[in-house]
C-alpha atoms as a PDB file:
ATOM      1  CA  MET A   1     -26.363  50.786  -8.634  1.00  0.00           C
ATOM      2  CA  LEU A   2     -24.543  49.400  -5.566  1.00  0.00           C
ATOM      3  CA  ASN A   3     -24.697  45.711  -6.499  1.00  0.00           C
ATOM      4  CA  HIS A   4     -21.192  45.680  -7.995  1.00  0.00           C
ATOM      5  CA  PHE A   5     -19.666  46.289  -4.535  1.00  0.00           C
ATOM      6  CA  PHE A   6     -20.371  42.735  -3.322  1.00  0.00           C
ATOM      7  CA  HIS A   7     -20.724  39.145  -4.520  1.00  0.00           C
ATOM      8  CA  GLU A   8     -23.835  37.108  -3.815  1.00  0.00           C
ATOM      9  CA  ASN A   9     -23.707  33.355  -4.388  1.00  0.00           C
ATOM     10  CA  ASN A  10     -26.002  30.596  -3.077  1.00  0.00           C
ATOM     11  CA  ASN A  11     -27.403  32.864  -0.371  1.00  0.00           C
ATOM     12  CA  THR A  12     -23.948  33.943   0.787  1.00  0.00           C
ATOM     13  CA  LEU A  13     -22.239  37.302   0.697  1.00  0.00           C
ATOM     14  CA  SER A  14     -18.585  38.137   0.132  1.00  0.00           C
ATOM     15  CA  PHE A  15     -16.389  41.096  -0.764  1.00  0.00           C
ATOM     16  CA  THR A  16     -13.065  41.533  -2.492  1.00  0.00           C
ATOM     17  CA  ARG A  17     -10.550  44.039  -1.200  1.00  0.00           C
ATOM     18  CA  GLU A  18     -11.057  46.042  -4.374  1.00  0.00           C
ATOM     19  CA  GLN A  19     -14.844  46.194  -3.966  1.00  0.00           C
ATOM     20  CA  ALA A  20     -14.655  47.234  -0.322  1.00  0.00           C
ATOM     21  CA  SER A  21     -11.953  49.844  -0.937  1.00  0.00           C
ATOM     22  CA  GLN A  22     -13.778  51.295  -3.938  1.00  0.00           C
ATOM     23  CA  PHE A  23     -17.012  51.602  -1.946  1.00  0.00           C
ATOM     24  CA  ALA A  24     -15.205  53.293   0.942  1.00  0.00           C
ATOM     25  CA  LYS A  25     -13.530  55.877  -1.261  1.00  0.00           C
ATOM     26  CA  GLU A  26     -16.075  56.493  -4.012  1.00  0.00           C
ATOM     27  CA  VAL A  27     -19.391  56.174  -2.167  1.00  0.00           C
ATOM     28  CA  ALA A  28     -18.613  56.881   1.488  1.00  0.00           C
ATOM     29  CA  GLY A  29     -15.678  59.256   1.045  1.00  0.00           C
ATOM     30  CA  ASP A  30     -13.938  57.153   3.708  1.00  0.00           C
ATOM     31  CA  TYR A  31     -10.138  56.989   3.432  1.00  0.00           C
ATOM     32  CA  ASN A  32      -9.519  54.992   6.611  1.00  0.00           C
ATOM     33  CA  PRO A  33      -6.261  53.071   5.909  1.00  0.00           C
ATOM     34  CA  LEU A  34      -7.935  49.875   7.177  1.00  0.00           C
ATOM     35  CA  HIS A  35      -9.904  49.879   3.903  1.00  0.00           C
ATOM     36  CA  ASN A  36      -6.878  50.161   1.604  1.00  0.00           C
ATOM     37  CA  THR A  37      -6.380  47.127  -0.612  1.00  0.00           C
ATOM     38  CA  ASP A  38      -2.823  46.639   0.705  1.00  0.00           C
ATOM     39  CA  ALA A  39      -3.654  47.093   4.414  1.00  0.00           C
ATOM     40  CA  LYS A  40      -2.220  44.404   6.705  1.00  0.00           C
ATOM     41  CA  ARG A  41      -5.285  44.628   8.964  1.00  0.00           C
ATOM     42  CA  PHE A  42      -7.735  45.112   6.097  1.00  0.00           C
ATOM     43  CA  CYS A  43     -11.439  45.191   6.862  1.00  0.00           C
ATOM     44  CA  VAL A  44     -14.618  45.778   4.876  1.00  0.00           C
ATOM     45  CA  PRO A  45     -16.338  49.074   5.794  1.00  0.00           C
ATOM     46  CA  GLY A  46     -19.249  48.619   8.172  1.00  0.00           C
ATOM     47  CA  ASP A  47     -21.203  51.017   5.982  1.00  0.00           C
ATOM     48  CA  LEU A  48     -20.988  48.539   3.098  1.00  0.00           C
ATOM     49  CA  LEU A  49     -22.766  45.940   5.240  1.00  0.00           C
ATOM     50  CA  PHE A  50     -25.304  48.617   6.198  1.00  0.00           C
ATOM     51  CA  ALA A  51     -25.893  49.272   2.491  1.00  0.00           C
ATOM     52  CA  VAL A  52     -26.360  45.573   1.696  1.00  0.00           C
ATOM     53  CA  VAL A  53     -28.836  45.143   4.563  1.00  0.00           C
ATOM     54  CA  LEU A  54     -31.004  47.981   3.270  1.00  0.00           C
ATOM     55  CA  LEU A  55     -30.755  46.778  -0.335  1.00  0.00           C
ATOM     56  CA  LYS A  56     -31.776  43.237   0.599  1.00  0.00           C
ATOM     57  CA  TYR A  57     -34.232  43.799   3.458  1.00  0.00           C
ATOM     58  CA  GLY A  58     -35.489  47.373   3.055  1.00  0.00           C
ATOM     59  CA  ILE A  59     -35.812  50.166   5.600  1.00  0.00           C
ATOM     60  CA  SER A  60     -37.589  49.305   8.840  1.00  0.00           C
ATOM     61  CA  GLN A  61     -39.082  51.913  11.126  1.00  0.00           C
ATOM     62  CA  THR A  62     -36.613  51.020  13.875  1.00  0.00           C
ATOM     63  CA  MET A  63     -33.227  49.479  13.117  1.00  0.00           C
ATOM     64  CA  GLN A  64     -30.306  48.771  15.438  1.00  0.00           C
ATOM     65  CA  PHE A  65     -26.996  47.559  13.990  1.00  0.00           C
ATOM     66  CA  SER A  66     -24.312  45.957  16.144  1.00  0.00           C
ATOM     67  CA  PHE A  67     -20.925  45.465  14.473  1.00  0.00           C
ATOM     68  CA  ASP A  68     -19.450  42.493  16.312  1.00  0.00           C
ATOM     69  CA  ALA A  69     -16.406  41.438  14.258  1.00  0.00           C
ATOM     70  CA  MET A  70     -14.235  42.688  11.401  1.00  0.00           C
ATOM     71  CA  ILE A  71     -15.201  41.453   7.943  1.00  0.00           C
ATOM     72  CA  THR A  72     -12.336  40.651   5.566  1.00  0.00           C
ATOM     73  CA  GLU A  73     -12.033  39.474   1.978  1.00  0.00           C
ATOM     74  CA  LYS A  74     -11.969  35.903   3.351  1.00  0.00           C
ATOM     75  CA  SER A  75     -15.347  36.171   5.072  1.00  0.00           C
ATOM     76  CA  ILE A  76     -18.234  34.258   3.456  1.00  0.00           C
ATOM     77  CA  ILE A  77     -21.372  35.466   5.179  1.00  0.00           C
ATOM     78  CA  THR A  78     -24.753  33.753   5.120  1.00  0.00           C
ATOM     79  CA  LEU A  79     -27.695  35.971   4.214  1.00  0.00           C
ATOM     80  CA  PRO A  80     -30.349  35.316   6.904  1.00  0.00           C
ATOM     81  CA  GLN A  81     -34.034  34.833   6.239  1.00  0.00           C
ATOM     82  CA  PRO A  82     -36.101  38.001   6.815  1.00  0.00           C
ATOM     83  CA  SER A  83     -37.040  38.346  10.497  1.00  0.00           C
ATOM     84  CA  ASP A  84     -37.016  40.844  13.350  1.00  0.00           C
ATOM     85  CA  THR A  85     -33.401  39.843  14.139  1.00  0.00           C
ATOM     86  CA  LEU A  86     -30.937  39.429  11.298  1.00  0.00           C
ATOM     87  CA  VAL A  87     -27.586  37.814  12.120  1.00  0.00           C
ATOM     88  CA  PHE A  88     -24.917  37.981   9.431  1.00  0.00           C
ATOM     89  CA  SER A  89     -22.418  35.231  10.219  1.00  0.00           C
ATOM     90  CA  ASP A  90     -20.274  32.448   8.861  1.00  0.00           C
ATOM     91  CA  ASP A  91     -19.576  29.062  10.456  1.00  0.00           C
ATOM     92  CA  LYS A  92     -17.281  30.664  13.046  1.00  0.00           C
ATOM     93  CA  LYS A  93     -18.732  33.959  14.251  1.00  0.00           C
ATOM     94  CA  ALA A  94     -21.335  36.687  13.875  1.00  0.00           C
ATOM     95  CA  TYR A  95     -20.204  39.863  12.146  1.00  0.00           C
ATOM     96  CA  VAL A  96     -23.280  42.078  12.223  1.00  0.00           C
ATOM     97  CA  THR A  97     -26.579  41.779  14.105  1.00  0.00           C
ATOM     98  CA  VAL A  98     -29.587  43.859  13.098  1.00  0.00           C
ATOM     99  CA  ASN A  99     -32.688  44.203  15.261  1.00  0.00           C
ATOM    100  CA  ARG A 100     -35.626  45.801  13.481  1.00  0.00           C
ATOM    101  CA  SER A 101     -39.313  46.459  13.957  1.00  0.00           C
ATOM    102  CA  GLY A 102     -42.245  48.464  12.604  1.00  0.00           C
ATOM    103  CA  ASP A 103     -43.196  49.273   9.032  1.00  0.00           C
ATOM    104  CA  ASN A 104     -40.853  48.349   6.201  1.00  0.00           C
ATOM    105  CA  ASN A 105     -40.109  50.174   2.942  1.00  0.00           C
ATOM    106  CA  THR A 106     -38.360  48.450   0.030  1.00  0.00           C
ATOM    107  CA  ASP A 107     -38.784  51.227  -2.553  1.00  0.00           C
ATOM    108  CA  PRO A 108     -35.444  51.188  -4.453  1.00  0.00           C
ATOM    109  CA  ALA A 109     -35.236  54.965  -4.939  1.00  0.00           C
ATOM    110  CA  CYS A 110     -35.855  55.710  -1.256  1.00  0.00           C
ATOM    111  CA  VAL A 111     -33.520  52.939  -0.073  1.00  0.00           C
ATOM    112  CA  GLU A 112     -30.661  54.051  -2.310  1.00  0.00           C
ATOM    113  CA  SER A 113     -31.088  57.712  -1.344  1.00  0.00           C
ATOM    114  CA  ILE A 114     -30.947  56.861   2.367  1.00  0.00           C
ATOM    115  CA  ILE A 115     -27.894  54.625   1.845  1.00  0.00           C
ATOM    116  CA  LYS A 116     -25.938  57.247  -0.074  1.00  0.00           C
ATOM    117  CA  GLN A 117     -26.738  60.085   2.326  1.00  0.00           C
ATOM    118  CA  TYR A 118     -25.958  58.055   5.422  1.00  0.00           C
ATOM    119  CA  VAL A 119     -22.659  56.577   4.217  1.00  0.00           C
ATOM    120  CA  ALA A 120     -21.477  59.978   2.932  1.00  0.00           C
ATOM    121  CA  PHE A 121     -22.193  61.428   6.397  1.00  0.00           C
ATOM    122  CA  SER A 122     -20.644  58.427   8.150  1.00  0.00           C
ATOM    123  CA  GLY A 123     -17.499  58.395   6.026  1.00  0.00           C
ATOM    124  CA  GLU A 124     -16.626  61.986   6.934  1.00  0.00           C
ATOM    125  CA  ALA A 125     -15.940  61.190  10.604  1.00  0.00           C
ATOM    126  CA  PHE A 126     -12.180  61.677  10.163  1.00  0.00           C
ATOM    127  CA  PRO A 127     -10.840  64.291  10.240  1.00  0.00           C
ATOM    128  CA  HIS A 128     -13.774  66.703   9.991  1.00  0.00           C
ATOM    129  CA  ILE A 129     -15.666  65.485  13.078  1.00  0.00           C
ATOM    130  CA  LEU A 130     -13.334  63.263  15.105  1.00  0.00           C
ATOM    131  CA  VAL A 131     -10.345  65.626  15.307  1.00  0.00           C
ATOM    132  CA  PRO A 132     -12.222  68.703  16.650  1.00  0.00           C
ATOM    133  CA  ALA A 133     -14.249  66.573  19.089  1.00  0.00           C
ATOM    134  CA  MET A 134     -11.114  64.924  20.526  1.00  0.00           C
ATOM    135  CA  SER A 135      -8.910  68.031  20.512  1.00  0.00           C
ATOM    136  CA  ALA A 136     -11.515  69.831  22.624  1.00  0.00           C
ATOM    137  CA  GLN A 137     -10.583  67.320  25.342  1.00  0.00           C
ATOM    138  CA  LYS A 138      -6.845  67.642  24.562  1.00  0.00           C
ATOM    139  CA  VAL A 139      -6.495  64.103  23.218  1.00  0.00           C
ATOM    140  CA  MET A 140      -6.076  62.513  19.775  1.00  0.00           C
ATOM    141  CA  ILE A 141      -5.776  59.169  18.036  1.00  0.00           C
ATOM    142  CA  ASN A 142      -2.324  57.615  17.941  1.00  0.00           C
ATOM    143  CA  PRO A 143      -0.789  58.797  14.631  1.00  0.00           C
ATOM    144  CA  LYS A 144       1.466  55.728  14.521  1.00  0.00           C
ATOM    145  CA  ARG A 145      -1.443  53.323  14.840  1.00  0.00           C
ATOM    146  CA  PRO A 146      -4.799  55.040  14.329  1.00  0.00           C
ATOM    147  CA  MET A 147      -7.586  52.654  15.340  1.00  0.00           C
ATOM    148  CA  VAL A 148     -11.161  53.853  14.850  1.00  0.00           C
ATOM    149  CA  MET A 149     -13.775  51.089  14.680  1.00  0.00           C
ATOM    150  CA  TYR A 150     -17.497  51.020  14.000  1.00  0.00           C
ATOM    151  CA  GLN A 151     -19.416  49.774  17.068  1.00  0.00           C
ATOM    152  CA  SER A 152     -23.102  50.387  16.424  1.00  0.00           C
ATOM    153  CA  MET A 153     -25.684  52.388  14.549  1.00  0.00           C
ATOM    154  CA  ALA A 154     -29.396  52.986  15.148  1.00  0.00           C
ATOM    155  CA  VAL A 155     -32.238  54.712  13.320  1.00  0.00           C
ATOM    156  CA  ASP A 156     -35.787  55.405  14.402  1.00  0.00           C
ATOM    157  CA  PHE A 157     -38.268  56.702  11.820  1.00  0.00           C
ATOM    158  CA  ASP A 158     -41.708  58.121  12.581  1.00  0.00           C
ATOM    159  CA  ARG A 159     -42.779  56.649   9.248  1.00  0.00           C
ATOM    160  CA  THR A 160     -41.063  54.910   6.349  1.00  0.00           C
ATOM    161  CA  ASP A 161     -43.030  56.284   3.374  1.00  0.00           C
ATOM    162  CA  ILE A 162     -40.376  58.962   2.856  1.00  0.00           C
ATOM    163  CA  GLN A 163     -40.347  60.764  -0.491  1.00  0.00           C
ATOM    164  CA  ASN A 164     -37.297  63.013  -0.188  1.00  0.00           C
ATOM    165  CA  PRO A 165     -34.968  61.771   2.599  1.00  0.00           C
ATOM    166  CA  VAL A 166     -32.499  64.338   3.912  1.00  0.00           C
ATOM    167  CA  LEU A 167     -29.910  63.571   6.624  1.00  0.00           C
ATOM    168  CA  GLU A 168     -29.128  66.457   8.991  1.00  0.00           C
ATOM    169  CA  PRO A 169     -26.024  65.988  11.210  1.00  0.00           C
ATOM    170  CA  LEU A 170     -26.152  67.084  14.859  1.00  0.00           C
ATOM    171  CA  ALA A 171     -23.335  67.976  17.264  1.00  0.00           C
ATOM    172  CA  PRO A 172     -20.969  65.023  17.923  1.00  0.00           C
ATOM    173  CA  ILE A 173     -20.304  63.721  21.432  1.00  0.00           C
ATOM    174  CA  PHE A 174     -16.878  62.359  22.412  1.00  0.00           C
ATOM    175  CA  SER A 175     -16.096  60.665  25.720  1.00  0.00           C
ATOM    176  CA  ALA A 176     -12.786  59.137  26.822  1.00  0.00           C
ATOM    177  CA  GLU A 177     -11.693  56.800  29.584  1.00  0.00           C
ATOM    178  CA  GLY A 178      -7.974  56.140  29.704  1.00  0.00           C
ATOM    179  CA  LYS A 179      -6.675  55.021  26.331  1.00  0.00           C
ATOM    180  CA  ARG A 180     -10.134  54.256  24.908  1.00  0.00           C
ATOM    181  CA  GLY A 181     -12.981  56.480  23.894  1.00  0.00           C
ATOM    182  CA  SER A 182     -16.224  56.614  21.963  1.00  0.00           C
ATOM    183  CA  LEU A 183     -17.537  59.076  19.418  1.00  0.00           C
ATOM    184  CA  THR A 184     -21.313  59.395  19.036  1.00  0.00           C
ATOM    185  CA  LEU A 185     -22.565  60.969  15.807  1.00  0.00           C
ATOM    186  CA  PRO A 186     -26.257  61.870  16.161  1.00  0.00           C
ATOM    187  CA  PHE A 187     -28.415  62.950  13.240  1.00  0.00           C
ATOM    188  CA  HIS A 188     -31.973  63.680  12.154  1.00  0.00           C
ATOM    189  CA  TRP A 189     -33.856  62.459   9.093  1.00  0.00           C
ATOM    190  CA  LYS A 190     -36.140  64.857   7.272  1.00  0.00           C
ATOM    191  CA  ASP A 191     -38.602  64.374   4.438  1.00  0.00           C
ATOM    192  CA  GLY A 192     -38.034  67.700   2.752  1.00  0.00           C
ATOM    193  CA  ASP A 193     -38.472  70.102   5.681  1.00  0.00           C
ATOM    194  CA  GLU A 194     -40.452  67.684   7.882  1.00  0.00           C
ATOM    195  CA  LEU A 195     -38.633  65.900  10.718  1.00  0.00           C
ATOM    196  CA  VAL A 196     -39.364  62.170  10.266  1.00  0.00           C
ATOM    197  CA  GLY A 197     -36.655  60.350  12.215  1.00  0.00           C
ATOM    198  CA  LYS A 198     -33.452  60.316  14.208  1.00  0.00           C
ATOM    199  CA  GLY A 199     -30.406  58.152  14.638  1.00  0.00           C
ATOM    200  CA  GLU A 200     -26.832  57.831  15.814  1.00  0.00           C
ATOM    201  CA  LYS A 201     -23.577  56.135  14.919  1.00  0.00           C
ATOM    202  CA  ILE A 202     -21.114  55.114  17.648  1.00  0.00           C
ATOM    203  CA  MET A 203     -17.423  54.573  16.944  1.00  0.00           C
ATOM    204  CA  LEU A 204     -14.760  53.175  19.258  1.00  0.00           C
ATOM    205  CA  VAL A 205     -11.347  54.820  19.415  1.00  0.00           C
ATOM    206  CA  SER A 206      -8.364  52.988  20.914  1.00  0.00           C
ATOM    207  CA  GLY A 207      -4.803  54.038  21.669  1.00  0.00           C
ATOM    208  CA  ILE A 208      -5.700  57.589  22.674  1.00  0.00           C
ATOM    209  CA  VAL A 209      -2.709  59.867  23.338  1.00  0.00           C
ATOM    210  CA  ASP A 210      -2.263  63.467  24.502  1.00  0.00           C
ATOM    211  CA  TYR A 211      -3.009  66.065  21.853  1.00  0.00           C
ATOM    212  CA  ASP A 212       0.019  67.043  19.755  1.00  0.00           C
ATOM    213  CA  LYS A 213      -0.888  69.590  17.076  1.00  0.00           C
ATOM    214  CA  PRO A 214       2.168  69.074  14.789  1.00  0.00           C
ATOM    215  CA  ALA A 215       1.657  65.294  14.864  1.00  0.00           C
ATOM    216  CA  MET A 216      -2.076  65.694  14.204  1.00  0.00           C
ATOM    217  CA  ASP A 217      -1.436  68.121  11.351  1.00  0.00           C
ATOM    218  CA  GLU A 218       0.969  65.618   9.802  1.00  0.00           C
ATOM    219  CA  LEU A 219      -1.591  62.800  10.077  1.00  0.00           C
ATOM    220  CA  ILE A 220      -4.295  64.957   8.478  1.00  0.00           C
ATOM    221  CA  GLU A 221      -1.917  65.962   5.684  1.00  0.00           C
ATOM    222  CA  HIS A 222      -1.095  62.301   5.026  1.00  0.00           C
ATOM    223  CA  TYR A 223      -4.812  61.496   5.046  1.00  0.00           C
ATOM    224  CA  ASN A 224      -5.573  64.302   2.605  1.00  0.00           C
ATOM    225  CA  GLN A 225      -2.797  63.144   0.290  1.00  0.00           C
ATOM    226  CA  SER A 226      -4.294  59.633   0.272  1.00  0.00           C
ATOM    227  CA  MET A 227      -7.490  61.185  -1.103  1.00  0.00           C
ATOM    228  CA  GLY A 228      -5.579  62.120  -4.232  1.00  0.00           C
END
């Protein structure tokens, strides 16, 4: 059901602006302006690459994703051969590196359920999680140039034969140093009521400024309006 969000041709992968933007809004609930079709600094959501990796290579017991460069509609990425280290790159640079180990599950129903739950959780970072976590430290993203980027993501399952995957968010952790900061979003995986795994997503925030409630309220209002 997710195959229409990317193009695959001769073992390469590419995305149109429309595909990436539609995935962000309709699947991930992510209205980051960087994913708008008319954005000057447009980039493909990292969660779309995460989805493609799971669709093509399955769920491994341990998976670590490093997002090394922004993917655009001009990127033509080679699909690597299955191995413990998957590097998604073109002839110029690596975009995403995945290190994986342990058992692997390629069951389509399980894979798709995990994708949809994770990206829905991941896409809600702003404003529901990021704003409260930053305001607690009396800082915020720059409303004139909000820059929130995906850095890494990791999952660690006790087993991969999961019948009913359920993602349970945990308390976020925000740390700042000067104008830069990082937001860690930890979570658990359950199979029904049984705890079967854990993970975390780490996002980088740049251009941090002092907290200004009216300015933050205006940014959130603009964000909400973009959701239609």
